[in-house]
Structure formats: structure tokens, C-alpha cells
Amino acid sequence: MFLYPNFMINRYGPWMDTNLVVPTGPETCVVVFEYWLETERLRGRGAERFVAESLKASEVVQREDEWLCEKVQEGMRSPVWRPGRYVAAVEGAMYNFHRKLWEDMTDDE
């Protein structure tokens, strides 16, 4: 689930995490992660290992996402990059987000 403009809630089985994106500059941000786990998963044999392995896997995914975002930003600064149209079939949510953000940032009232 996404709460405009910068808060996400993700649910993966017994895990839930939140991501708060805090802008730190025109092209930079910090993402604050918080994790929750169903209490039943904290009991019994292997619980500590399950938590440690899950957090490690989450860290790997976050680093991959960070790398991808940095590569996109590098590409957008390239002299050959040109903006194009959104692909409605797969980028509808992104289009709506960017349109709302643009309206909020350019609203004079």
C-alpha cells in the first residue's frame, strides 16, 4: 500500500515493513525502514535464525533497489536521454503519482 507522497506499507507473509522516503536534496533521499513480524514467528525452534535470514534477505533487496535507482538517475543525466510517454498498461500508477506531485508542486493557490 502506498500513502501519497512518500510512505509505503509492504506485507510479505508474516512480515510487514514500512518505508518512509525523506528527501535530502533535489536528487537524493533517505529511506527509513521499520519491520514487524507476527509474534508466532518469534517463538519456537529456529525463530532467531528465521528473523536473521529474513532481515539479511531484505537488506539484499534494498541494496539491489538502491543500485537500480542510482543507475536510473545516472541514465537520466546522460546527454542522450530524452523523456518519453508513459506506457499506460504498466505505468499507470507512476503516471498518476507524477501527475499529482506535479499538480501539488505547481499549484499557486
PDB file of N, CA and C in Angstrom:
ATOM      1  N   MET A   1       0.856  -1.162   0.000  1.00  0.00           N
ATOM      2  CA  MET A   1       0.000   0.000   0.000  1.00  0.00           C
ATOM      3  C   MET A   1       0.904   1.228   0.000  1.00  0.00           C
ATOM      4  N   PHE A   2       0.427   2.245  -0.637  1.00  0.00           N
ATOM      5  CA  PHE A   2       1.192   3.478  -0.761  1.00  0.00           C
ATOM      6  C   PHE A   2       0.347   4.643  -0.280  1.00  0.00           C
ATOM      7  N   LEU A   3       0.916   5.465   0.588  1.00  0.00           N
ATOM      8  CA  LEU A   3       0.242   6.683   1.043  1.00  0.00           C
ATOM      9  C   LEU A   3       1.006   7.875   0.483  1.00  0.00           C
ATOM     10  N   TYR A   4       0.329   8.636  -0.343  1.00  0.00           N
ATOM     11  CA  TYR A   4       0.943   9.781  -1.007  1.00  0.00           C
ATOM     12  C   TYR A   4       1.426  10.792   0.012  1.00  0.00           C
ATOM     13  N   PRO A   5       2.604  11.361  -0.141  1.00  0.00           N
ATOM     14  CA  PRO A   5       3.502  11.178  -1.260  1.00  0.00           C
ATOM     15  C   PRO A   5       4.702  10.269  -0.988  1.00  0.00           C
ATOM     16  N   ASN A   6       4.939   9.816   0.244  1.00  0.00           N
ATOM     17  CA  ASN A   6       6.233   9.177   0.495  1.00  0.00           C
ATOM     18  C   ASN A   6       6.233   8.037   1.522  1.00  0.00           C
ATOM     19  N   PHE A   7       5.131   7.341   1.673  1.00  0.00           N
ATOM     20  CA  PHE A   7       5.069   6.294   2.702  1.00  0.00           C
ATOM     21  C   PHE A   7       4.499   5.010   2.101  1.00  0.00           C
ATOM     22  N   MET A   8       5.209   3.911   2.291  1.00  0.00           N
ATOM     23  CA  MET A   8       4.780   2.619   1.757  1.00  0.00           C
ATOM     24  C   MET A   8       4.655   1.593   2.868  1.00  0.00           C
ATOM     25  N   ILE A   9       3.685   0.725   2.750  1.00  0.00           N
ATOM     26  CA  ILE A   9       3.495  -0.395   3.666  1.00  0.00           C
ATOM     27  C   ILE A   9       3.513  -1.665   2.815  1.00  0.00           C
ATOM     28  N   ASN A  10       4.395  -2.588   3.159  1.00  0.00           N
ATOM     29  CA  ASN A  10       4.538  -3.843   2.415  1.00  0.00           C
ATOM     30  C   ASN A  10       4.244  -5.012   3.342  1.00  0.00           C
ATOM     31  N   ARG A  11       3.572  -6.016   2.822  1.00  0.00           N
ATOM     32  CA  ARG A  11       3.280  -7.221   3.611  1.00  0.00           C
ATOM     33  C   ARG A  11       3.758  -8.435   2.831  1.00  0.00           C
ATOM     34  N   TYR A  12       4.616  -9.219   3.446  1.00  0.00           N
ATOM     35  CA  TYR A  12       5.141 -10.439   2.848  1.00  0.00           C
ATOM     36  C   TYR A  12       4.958 -11.560   3.856  1.00  0.00           C
ATOM     37  N   GLY A  13       3.892 -12.315   3.722  1.00  0.00           N
ATOM     38  CA  GLY A  13       3.653 -13.407   4.674  1.00  0.00           C
ATOM     39  C   GLY A  13       3.580 -12.877   6.087  1.00  0.00           C
ATOM     40  N   PRO A  14       4.420 -13.402   6.991  1.00  0.00           N
ATOM     41  CA  PRO A  14       4.359 -12.970   8.387  1.00  0.00           C
ATOM     42  C   PRO A  14       5.027 -11.614   8.641  1.00  0.00           C
ATOM     43  N   TRP A  15       5.685 -11.070   7.632  1.00  0.00           N
ATOM     44  CA  TRP A  15       6.401  -9.803   7.769  1.00  0.00           C
ATOM     45  C   TRP A  15       5.573  -8.632   7.263  1.00  0.00           C
ATOM     46  N   MET A  16       5.761  -7.489   7.910  1.00  0.00           N
ATOM     47  CA  MET A  16       5.271  -6.226   7.395  1.00  0.00           C
ATOM     48  C   MET A  16       6.402  -5.232   7.568  1.00  0.00           C
ATOM     49  N   ASP A  17       6.594  -4.377   6.569  1.00  0.00           N
ATOM     50  CA  ASP A  17       7.567  -3.309   6.741  1.00  0.00           C
ATOM     51  C   ASP A  17       6.990  -2.014   6.207  1.00  0.00           C
ATOM     52  N   THR A  18       7.521  -0.926   6.730  1.00  0.00           N
ATOM     53  CA  THR A  18       7.149   0.396   6.238  1.00  0.00           C
ATOM     54  C   THR A  18       8.400   1.069   5.707  1.00  0.00           C
ATOM     55  N   ASN A  19       8.205   1.894   4.688  1.00  0.00           N
ATOM     56  CA  ASN A  19       9.294   2.663   4.093  1.00  0.00           C
ATOM     57  C   ASN A  19       8.855   4.116   4.053  1.00  0.00           C
ATOM     58  N   LEU A  20       9.583   4.968   4.721  1.00  0.00           N
ATOM     59  CA  LEU A  20       9.326   6.404   4.688  1.00  0.00           C
ATOM     60  C   LEU A  20      10.458   7.041   3.895  1.00  0.00           C
ATOM     61  N   VAL A  21      10.129   7.670   2.775  1.00  0.00           N
ATOM     62  CA  VAL A  21      11.134   8.294   1.921  1.00  0.00           C
ATOM     63  C   VAL A  21      11.227   9.769   2.308  1.00  0.00           C
ATOM     64  N   VAL A  22      12.423  10.169   2.768  1.00  0.00           N
ATOM     65  CA  VAL A  22      12.650  11.538   3.228  1.00  0.00           C
ATOM     66  C   VAL A  22      13.601  12.229   2.252  1.00  0.00           C
ATOM     67  N   PRO A  23      13.131  13.230   1.509  1.00  0.00           N
ATOM     68  CA  PRO A  23      14.024  13.942   0.588  1.00  0.00           C
ATOM     69  C   PRO A  23      15.138  14.646   1.359  1.00  0.00           C
ATOM     70  N   THR A  24      16.365  14.575   0.821  1.00  0.00           N
ATOM     71  CA  THR A  24      17.505  15.259   1.433  1.00  0.00           C
ATOM     72  C   THR A  24      18.123  16.267   0.471  1.00  0.00           C
ATOM     73  N   GLY A  25      17.617  16.315  -0.747  1.00  0.00           N
ATOM     74  CA  GLY A  25      18.120  17.241  -1.761  1.00  0.00           C
ATOM     75  C   GLY A  25      17.341  17.033  -3.046  1.00  0.00           C
ATOM     76  N   PRO A  26      17.664  17.794  -4.083  1.00  0.00           N
ATOM     77  CA  PRO A  26      16.927  17.672  -5.343  1.00  0.00           C
ATOM     78  C   PRO A  26      17.016  16.289  -5.983  1.00  0.00           C
ATOM     79  N   GLU A  27      18.104  15.560  -5.735  1.00  0.00           N
ATOM     80  CA  GLU A  27      18.275  14.237  -6.347  1.00  0.00           C
ATOM     81  C   GLU A  27      18.640  13.165  -5.322  1.00  0.00           C
ATOM     82  N   THR A  28      18.396  13.444  -4.052  1.00  0.00           N
ATOM     83  CA  THR A  28      18.775  12.476  -3.019  1.00  0.00           C
ATOM     84  C   THR A  28      17.660  12.311  -2.001  1.00  0.00           C
ATOM     85  N   CYS A  29      17.683  11.155  -1.330  1.00  0.00           N
ATOM     86  CA  CYS A  29      16.722  10.897  -0.264  1.00  0.00           C
ATOM     87  C   CYS A  29      17.293   9.846   0.682  1.00  0.00           C
ATOM     88  N   VAL A  30      16.643   9.698   1.801  1.00  0.00           N
ATOM     89  CA  VAL A  30      16.940   8.637   2.760  1.00  0.00           C
ATOM     90  C   VAL A  30      15.638   7.864   2.930  1.00  0.00           C
ATOM     91  N   VAL A  31      15.738   6.542   2.971  1.00  0.00           N
ATOM     92  CA  VAL A  31      14.553   5.718   3.197  1.00  0.00           C
ATOM     93  C   VAL A  31      14.678   5.102   4.579  1.00  0.00           C
ATOM     94  N   VAL A  32      13.676   5.353   5.417  1.00  0.00           N
ATOM     95  CA  VAL A  32      13.649   4.819   6.777  1.00  0.00           C
ATOM     96  C   VAL A  32      12.768   3.565   6.765  1.00  0.00           C
ATOM     97  N   PHE A  33      13.353   2.421   7.121  1.00  0.00           N
ATOM     98  CA  PHE A  33      12.650   1.143   7.131  1.00  0.00           C
ATOM     99  C   PHE A  33      12.311   0.748   8.560  1.00  0.00           C
ATOM    100  N   GLU A  34      11.117   0.223   8.743  1.00  0.00           N
ATOM    101  CA  GLU A  34      10.736  -0.396  10.016  1.00  0.00           C
ATOM    102  C   GLU A  34      10.099  -1.730   9.697  1.00  0.00           C
ATOM    103  N   TYR A  35      10.348  -2.733  10.544  1.00  0.00           N
ATOM    104  CA  TYR A  35       9.875  -4.091  10.298  1.00  0.00           C
ATOM    105  C   TYR A  35       9.013  -4.576  11.453  1.00  0.00           C
ATOM    106  N   TRP A  36       7.997  -5.355  11.118  1.00  0.00           N
ATOM    107  CA  TRP A  36       7.159  -6.028  12.102  1.00  0.00           C
ATOM    108  C   TRP A  36       7.014  -7.483  11.675  1.00  0.00           C
ATOM    109  N   LEU A  37       6.882  -8.338  12.672  1.00  0.00           N
ATOM    110  CA  LEU A  37       6.751  -9.763  12.417  1.00  0.00           C
ATOM    111  C   LEU A  37       5.669 -10.332  13.314  1.00  0.00           C
ATOM    112  N   GLU A  38       4.841 -11.217  12.745  1.00  0.00           N
ATOM    113  CA  GLU A  38       3.812 -11.870  13.552  1.00  0.00           C
ATOM    114  C   GLU A  38       4.471 -12.564  14.741  1.00  0.00           C
ATOM    115  N   THR A  39       3.909 -12.388  15.923  1.00  0.00           N
ATOM    116  CA  THR A  39       4.531 -12.906  17.144  1.00  0.00           C
ATOM    117  C   THR A  39       4.729 -14.417  17.148  1.00  0.00           C
ATOM    118  N   GLU A  40       3.855 -15.145  16.472  1.00  0.00           N
ATOM    119  CA  GLU A  40       4.019 -16.610  16.446  1.00  0.00           C
ATOM    120  C   GLU A  40       5.363 -16.996  15.836  1.00  0.00           C
ATOM    121  N   ARG A  41       5.867 -16.175  14.900  1.00  0.00           N
ATOM    122  CA  ARG A  41       7.144 -16.487  14.241  1.00  0.00           C
ATOM    123  C   ARG A  41       8.335 -16.224  15.141  1.00  0.00           C
ATOM    124  N   LEU A  42       8.111 -15.569  16.272  1.00  0.00           N
ATOM    125  CA  LEU A  42       9.201 -15.282  17.203  1.00  0.00           C
ATOM    126  C   LEU A  42       9.361 -16.376  18.254  1.00  0.00           C
ATOM    127  N   ARG A  43       8.483 -17.358  18.216  1.00  0.00           N
ATOM    128  CA  ARG A  43       8.527 -18.447  19.192  1.00  0.00           C
ATOM    129  C   ARG A  43       9.038 -19.714  18.533  1.00  0.00           C
ATOM    130  N   GLY A  44       9.582 -20.557  19.354  1.00  0.00           N
ATOM    131  CA  GLY A  44       9.944 -21.893  18.886  1.00  0.00           C
ATOM    132  C   GLY A  44      11.326 -21.987  18.284  1.00  0.00           C
ATOM    133  N   ARG A  45      11.606 -23.187  17.880  1.00  0.00           N
ATOM    134  CA  ARG A  45      12.914 -23.519  17.320  1.00  0.00           C
ATOM    135  C   ARG A  45      13.149 -22.801  15.998  1.00  0.00           C
ATOM    136  N   GLY A  46      14.322 -22.254  15.848  1.00  0.00           N
ATOM    137  CA  GLY A  46      14.697 -21.629  14.592  1.00  0.00           C
ATOM    138  C   GLY A  46      14.186 -20.216  14.397  1.00  0.00           C
ATOM    139  N   ALA A  47      13.515 -19.675  15.422  1.00  0.00           N
ATOM    140  CA  ALA A  47      12.943 -18.334  15.275  1.00  0.00           C
ATOM    141  C   ALA A  47      14.031 -17.284  15.045  1.00  0.00           C
ATOM    142  N   GLU A  48      15.086 -17.334  15.828  1.00  0.00           N
ATOM    143  CA  GLU A  48      16.161 -16.347  15.679  1.00  0.00           C
ATOM    144  C   GLU A  48      16.806 -16.438  14.307  1.00  0.00           C
ATOM    145  N   ARG A  49      16.999 -17.660  13.854  1.00  0.00           N
ATOM    146  CA  ARG A  49      17.604 -17.863  12.533  1.00  0.00           C
ATOM    147  C   ARG A  49      16.672 -17.336  11.439  1.00  0.00           C
ATOM    148  N   PHE A  50      15.383 -17.614  11.561  1.00  0.00           N
ATOM    149  CA  PHE A  50      14.398 -17.136  10.585  1.00  0.00           C
ATOM    150  C   PHE A  50      14.433 -15.608  10.492  1.00  0.00           C
ATOM    151  N   VAL A  51      14.465 -14.945  11.641  1.00  0.00           N
ATOM    152  CA  VAL A  51      14.478 -13.475  11.660  1.00  0.00           C
ATOM    153  C   VAL A  51      15.767 -12.964  11.030  1.00  0.00           C
ATOM    154  N   ALA A  52      16.901 -13.522  11.425  1.00  0.00           N
ATOM    155  CA  ALA A  52      18.192 -13.067  10.895  1.00  0.00           C
ATOM    156  C   ALA A  52      18.268 -13.256   9.380  1.00  0.00           C
ATOM    157  N   GLU A  53      17.845 -14.424   8.897  1.00  0.00           N
ATOM    158  CA  GLU A  53      17.890 -14.690   7.460  1.00  0.00           C
ATOM    159  C   GLU A  53      16.923 -13.786   6.695  1.00  0.00           C
ATOM    160  N   SER A  54      15.766 -13.522   7.267  1.00  0.00           N
ATOM    161  CA  SER A  54      14.784 -12.655   6.613  1.00  0.00           C
ATOM    162  C   SER A  54      15.290 -11.224   6.517  1.00  0.00           C
ATOM    163  N   LEU A  55      15.893 -10.733   7.600  1.00  0.00           N
ATOM    164  CA  LEU A  55      16.439  -9.373   7.578  1.00  0.00           C
ATOM    165  C   LEU A  55      17.598  -9.266   6.589  1.00  0.00           C
ATOM    166  N   LYS A  56      18.410 -10.301   6.519  1.00  0.00           N
ATOM    167  CA  LYS A  56      19.528 -10.310   5.572  1.00  0.00           C
ATOM    168  C   LYS A  56      18.996 -10.285   4.134  1.00  0.00           C
ATOM    169  N   ALA A  57      17.977 -11.082   3.846  1.00  0.00           N
ATOM    170  CA  ALA A  57      17.383 -11.097   2.504  1.00  0.00           C
ATOM    171  C   ALA A  57      16.786  -9.732   2.166  1.00  0.00           C
ATOM    172  N   SER A  58      16.136  -9.092   3.130  1.00  0.00           N
ATOM    173  CA  SER A  58      15.570  -7.768   2.912  1.00  0.00           C
ATOM    174  C   SER A  58      16.676  -6.765   2.589  1.00  0.00           C
ATOM    175  N   GLU A  59      17.777  -6.854   3.288  1.00  0.00           N
ATOM    176  CA  GLU A  59      18.908  -5.953   3.040  1.00  0.00           C
ATOM    177  C   GLU A  59      19.437  -6.126   1.619  1.00  0.00           C
ATOM    178  N   VAL A  60      19.511  -7.359   1.140  1.00  0.00           N
ATOM    179  CA  VAL A  60      19.972  -7.620  -0.227  1.00  0.00           C
ATOM    180  C   VAL A  60      19.033  -6.944  -1.233  1.00  0.00           C
ATOM    181  N   VAL A  61      17.736  -7.108  -1.034  1.00  0.00           N
ATOM    182  CA  VAL A  61      16.758  -6.497  -1.942  1.00  0.00           C
ATOM    183  C   VAL A  61      16.865  -4.977  -1.897  1.00  0.00           C
ATOM    184  N   GLN A  62      17.028  -4.407  -0.700  1.00  0.00           N
ATOM    185  CA  GLN A  62      17.127  -2.947  -0.585  1.00  0.00           C
ATOM    186  C   GLN A  62      18.367  -2.436  -1.310  1.00  0.00           C
ATOM    187  N   ARG A  63      19.485  -3.134  -1.199  1.00  0.00           N
ATOM    188  CA  ARG A  63      20.717  -2.723  -1.892  1.00  0.00           C
ATOM    189  C   ARG A  63      20.544  -2.833  -3.407  1.00  0.00           C
ATOM    190  N   GLU A  64      19.842  -3.875  -3.879  1.00  0.00           N
ATOM    191  CA  GLU A  64      19.569  -4.005  -5.316  1.00  0.00           C
ATOM    192  C   GLU A  64      18.696  -2.846  -5.799  1.00  0.00           C
ATOM    193  N   ASP A  65      17.670  -2.505  -5.028  1.00  0.00           N
ATOM    194  CA  ASP A  65      16.791  -1.379  -5.388  1.00  0.00           C
ATOM    195  C   ASP A  65      17.578  -0.067  -5.423  1.00  0.00           C
ATOM    196  N   GLU A  66      18.435   0.111  -4.435  1.00  0.00           N
ATOM    197  CA  GLU A  66      19.253   1.327  -4.373  1.00  0.00           C
ATOM    198  C   GLU A  66      20.143   1.427  -5.624  1.00  0.00           C
ATOM    199  N   TRP A  67      20.773   0.330  -5.999  1.00  0.00           N
ATOM    200  CA  TRP A  67      21.631   0.303  -7.178  1.00  0.00           C
ATOM    201  C   TRP A  67      20.827   0.651  -8.430  1.00  0.00           C
ATOM    202  N   LEU A  68      19.632   0.041  -8.562  1.00  0.00           N
ATOM    203  CA  LEU A  68      18.783   0.319  -9.725  1.00  0.00           C
ATOM    204  C   LEU A  68      18.396   1.793  -9.793  1.00  0.00           C
ATOM    205  N   CYS A  69      17.997   2.359  -8.670  1.00  0.00           N
ATOM    206  CA  CYS A  69      17.599   3.775  -8.645  1.00  0.00           C
ATOM    207  C   CYS A  69      18.768   4.675  -9.026  1.00  0.00           C
ATOM    208  N   GLU A  70      19.957   4.353  -8.521  1.00  0.00           N
ATOM    209  CA  GLU A  70      21.134   5.154  -8.866  1.00  0.00           C
ATOM    210  C   GLU A  70      21.437   5.060 -10.354  1.00  0.00           C
ATOM    211  N   LYS A  71      21.295   3.879 -10.944  1.00  0.00           N
ATOM    212  CA  LYS A  71      21.543   3.709 -12.379  1.00  0.00           C
ATOM    213  C   LYS A  71      20.518   4.481 -13.212  1.00  0.00           C
ATOM    214  N   VAL A  72      19.267   4.478 -12.778  1.00  0.00           N
ATOM    215  CA  VAL A  72      18.239   5.253 -13.484  1.00  0.00           C
ATOM    216  C   VAL A  72      18.592   6.736 -13.438  1.00  0.00           C
ATOM    217  N   GLN A  73      18.995   7.231 -12.268  1.00  0.00           N
ATOM    218  CA  GLN A  73      19.356   8.646 -12.159  1.00  0.00           C
ATOM    219  C   GLN A  73      20.551   8.983 -13.038  1.00  0.00           C
ATOM    220  N   GLU A  74      21.547   8.095 -13.073  1.00  0.00           N
ATOM    221  CA  GLU A  74      22.700   8.320 -13.958  1.00  0.00           C
ATOM    222  C   GLU A  74      22.240   8.386 -15.409  1.00  0.00           C
ATOM    223  N   GLY A  75      21.368   7.467 -15.805  1.00  0.00           N
ATOM    224  CA  GLY A  75      20.867   7.452 -17.173  1.00  0.00           C
ATOM    225  C   GLY A  75      20.102   8.715 -17.515  1.00  0.00           C
ATOM    226  N   MET A  76      19.329   9.223 -16.564  1.00  0.00           N
ATOM    227  CA  MET A  76      18.544  10.430 -16.821  1.00  0.00           C
ATOM    228  C   MET A  76      19.436  11.668 -16.954  1.00  0.00           C
ATOM    229  N   ARG A  77      20.638  11.620 -16.401  1.00  0.00           N
ATOM    230  CA  ARG A  77      21.585  12.733 -16.555  1.00  0.00           C
ATOM    231  C   ARG A  77      22.423  12.606 -17.834  1.00  0.00           C
ATOM    232  N   SER A  78      22.274  11.507 -18.536  1.00  0.00           N
ATOM    233  CA  SER A  78      23.016  11.264 -19.762  1.00  0.00           C
ATOM    234  C   SER A  78      22.566  12.245 -20.850  1.00  0.00           C
ATOM    235  N   PRO A  79      23.489  12.700 -21.683  1.00  0.00           N
ATOM    236  CA  PRO A  79      23.097  13.626 -22.762  1.00  0.00           C
ATOM    237  C   PRO A  79      22.208  12.988 -23.820  1.00  0.00           C
ATOM    238  N   VAL A  80      22.122  11.680 -23.860  1.00  0.00           N
ATOM    239  CA  VAL A  80      21.293  11.018 -24.866  1.00  0.00           C
ATOM    240  C   VAL A  80      19.897  10.691 -24.358  1.00  0.00           C
ATOM    241  N   TRP A  81      19.640  10.851 -23.075  1.00  0.00           N
ATOM    242  CA  TRP A  81      18.314  10.528 -22.526  1.00  0.00           C
ATOM    243  C   TRP A  81      17.307  11.594 -22.932  1.00  0.00           C
ATOM    244  N   ARG A  82      16.148  11.149 -23.344  1.00  0.00           N
ATOM    245  CA  ARG A  82      15.031  12.043 -23.649  1.00  0.00           C
ATOM    246  C   ARG A  82      13.784  11.486 -22.985  1.00  0.00           C
ATOM    247  N   PRO A  83      12.981  12.359 -22.373  1.00  0.00           N
ATOM    248  CA  PRO A  83      11.749  11.852 -21.762  1.00  0.00           C
ATOM    249  C   PRO A  83      10.808  11.300 -22.826  1.00  0.00           C
ATOM    250  N   GLY A  84      10.045  10.321 -22.434  1.00  0.00           N
ATOM    251  CA  GLY A  84       9.078   9.732 -23.351  1.00  0.00           C
ATOM    252  C   GLY A  84       7.724   9.597 -22.692  1.00  0.00           C
ATOM    253  N   ARG A  85       6.827   8.968 -23.390  1.00  0.00           N
ATOM    254  CA  ARG A  85       5.478   8.760 -22.867  1.00  0.00           C
ATOM    255  C   ARG A  85       5.467   7.608 -21.874  1.00  0.00           C
ATOM    256  N   TYR A  86       4.507   7.647 -20.974  1.00  0.00           N
ATOM    257  CA  TYR A  86       4.276   6.528 -20.069  1.00  0.00           C
ATOM    258  C   TYR A  86       3.615   5.392 -20.842  1.00  0.00           C
ATOM    259  N   VAL A  87       3.914   4.177 -20.444  1.00  0.00           N
ATOM    260  CA  VAL A  87       3.261   3.009 -21.029  1.00  0.00           C
ATOM    261  C   VAL A  87       2.046   2.719 -20.148  1.00  0.00           C
ATOM    262  N   ALA A  88       0.868   3.077 -20.639  1.00  0.00           N
ATOM    263  CA  ALA A  88      -0.351   3.028 -19.828  1.00  0.00           C
ATOM    264  C   ALA A  88      -0.603   1.659 -19.206  1.00  0.00           C
ATOM    265  N   ALA A  89      -0.284   0.592 -19.920  1.00  0.00           N
ATOM    266  CA  ALA A  89      -0.578  -0.758 -19.422  1.00  0.00           C
ATOM    267  C   ALA A  89       0.226  -1.129 -18.193  1.00  0.00           C
ATOM    268  N   VAL A  90       1.404  -0.517 -18.006  1.00  0.00           N
ATOM    269  CA  VAL A  90       2.247  -0.907 -16.870  1.00  0.00           C
ATOM    270  C   VAL A  90       2.685   0.261 -15.991  1.00  0.00           C
ATOM    271  N   GLU A  91       2.467   1.485 -16.432  1.00  0.00           N
ATOM    272  CA  GLU A  91       2.951   2.630 -15.672  1.00  0.00           C
ATOM    273  C   GLU A  91       1.846   3.585 -15.229  1.00  0.00           C
ATOM    274  N   GLY A  92       0.625   3.084 -15.145  1.00  0.00           N
ATOM    275  CA  GLY A  92      -0.493   3.927 -14.742  1.00  0.00           C
ATOM    276  C   GLY A  92      -0.322   4.518 -13.363  1.00  0.00           C
ATOM    277  N   ALA A  93       0.111   3.714 -12.412  1.00  0.00           N
ATOM    278  CA  ALA A  93       0.294   4.208 -11.046  1.00  0.00           C
ATOM    279  C   ALA A  93       1.393   5.267 -10.991  1.00  0.00           C
ATOM    280  N   MET A  94       2.486   5.033 -11.706  1.00  0.00           N
ATOM    281  CA  MET A  94       3.576   6.001 -11.727  1.00  0.00           C
ATOM    282  C   MET A  94       3.121   7.309 -12.376  1.00  0.00           C
ATOM    283  N   TYR A  95       2.361   7.207 -13.463  1.00  0.00           N
ATOM    284  CA  TYR A  95       1.839   8.392 -14.130  1.00  0.00           C
ATOM    285  C   TYR A  95       0.952   9.201 -13.168  1.00  0.00           C
ATOM    286  N   ASN A  96       0.038   8.522 -12.493  1.00  0.00           N
ATOM    287  CA  ASN A  96      -0.862   9.217 -11.563  1.00  0.00           C
ATOM    288  C   ASN A  96      -0.092   9.872 -10.432  1.00  0.00           C
ATOM    289  N   PHE A  97       0.919   9.172  -9.897  1.00  0.00           N
ATOM    290  CA  PHE A  97       1.743   9.747  -8.836  1.00  0.00           C
ATOM    291  C   PHE A  97       2.442  11.007  -9.342  1.00  0.00           C
ATOM    292  N   HIS A  98       3.099  10.928 -10.498  1.00  0.00           N
ATOM    293  CA  HIS A  98       3.833  12.072 -11.021  1.00  0.00           C
ATOM    294  C   HIS A  98       2.901  13.238 -11.367  1.00  0.00           C
ATOM    295  N   ARG A  99       1.731  12.928 -11.873  1.00  0.00           N
ATOM    296  CA  ARG A  99       0.763  13.988 -12.190  1.00  0.00           C
ATOM    297  C   ARG A  99       0.315  14.706 -10.901  1.00  0.00           C
ATOM    298  N   LYS A 100      -0.017  13.932  -9.869  1.00  0.00           N
ATOM    299  CA  LYS A 100      -0.430  14.522  -8.581  1.00  0.00           C
ATOM    300  C   LYS A 100       0.706  15.359  -7.989  1.00  0.00           C
ATOM    301  N   LEU A 101       1.920  14.824  -8.027  1.00  0.00           N
ATOM    302  CA  LEU A 101       3.072  15.550  -7.498  1.00  0.00           C
ATOM    303  C   LEU A 101       3.275  16.858  -8.262  1.00  0.00           C
ATOM    304  N   TRP A 102       3.185  16.799  -9.590  1.00  0.00           N
ATOM    305  CA  TRP A 102       3.335  17.993 -10.408  1.00  0.00           C
ATOM    306  C   TRP A 102       2.266  19.034 -10.060  1.00  0.00           C
ATOM    307  N   GLU A 103       1.026  18.581  -9.938  1.00  0.00           N
ATOM    308  CA  GLU A 103      -0.051  19.499  -9.587  1.00  0.00           C
ATOM    309  C   GLU A 103       0.191  20.143  -8.231  1.00  0.00           C
ATOM    310  N   ASP A 104       0.634  19.357  -7.257  1.00  0.00           N
ATOM    311  CA  ASP A 104       0.889  19.907  -5.924  1.00  0.00           C
ATOM    312  C   ASP A 104       2.046  20.888  -5.919  1.00  0.00           C
ATOM    313  N   MET A 105       3.059  20.615  -6.737  1.00  0.00           N
ATOM    314  CA  MET A 105       4.242  21.470  -6.751  1.00  0.00           C
ATOM    315  C   MET A 105       4.040  22.753  -7.562  1.00  0.00           C
ATOM    316  N   THR A 106       3.064  22.731  -8.466  1.00  0.00           N
ATOM    317  CA  THR A 106       2.853  23.913  -9.318  1.00  0.00           C
ATOM    318  C   THR A 106       1.590  24.674  -8.979  1.00  0.00           C
ATOM    319  N   ASP A 107       0.857  24.220  -7.974  1.00  0.00           N
ATOM    320  CA  ASP A 107      -0.395  24.883  -7.565  1.00  0.00           C
ATOM    321  C   ASP A 107      -0.051  26.209  -6.880  1.00  0.00           C
ATOM    322  N   ASP A 108      -0.570  27.300  -7.420  1.00  0.00           N
ATOM    323  CA  ASP A 108      -0.291  28.629  -6.860  1.00  0.00           C
ATOM    324  C   ASP A 108      -1.236  29.012  -5.740  1.00  0.00           C
ATOM    325  N   GLU A 109      -2.287  28.252  -5.541  1.00  0.00           N
ATOM    326  CA  GLU A 109      -3.300  28.638  -4.537  1.00  0.00           C
ATOM    327  C   GLU A 109      -2.922  28.215  -3.153  1.00  0.00           C
TER     328      GLU A 109
END
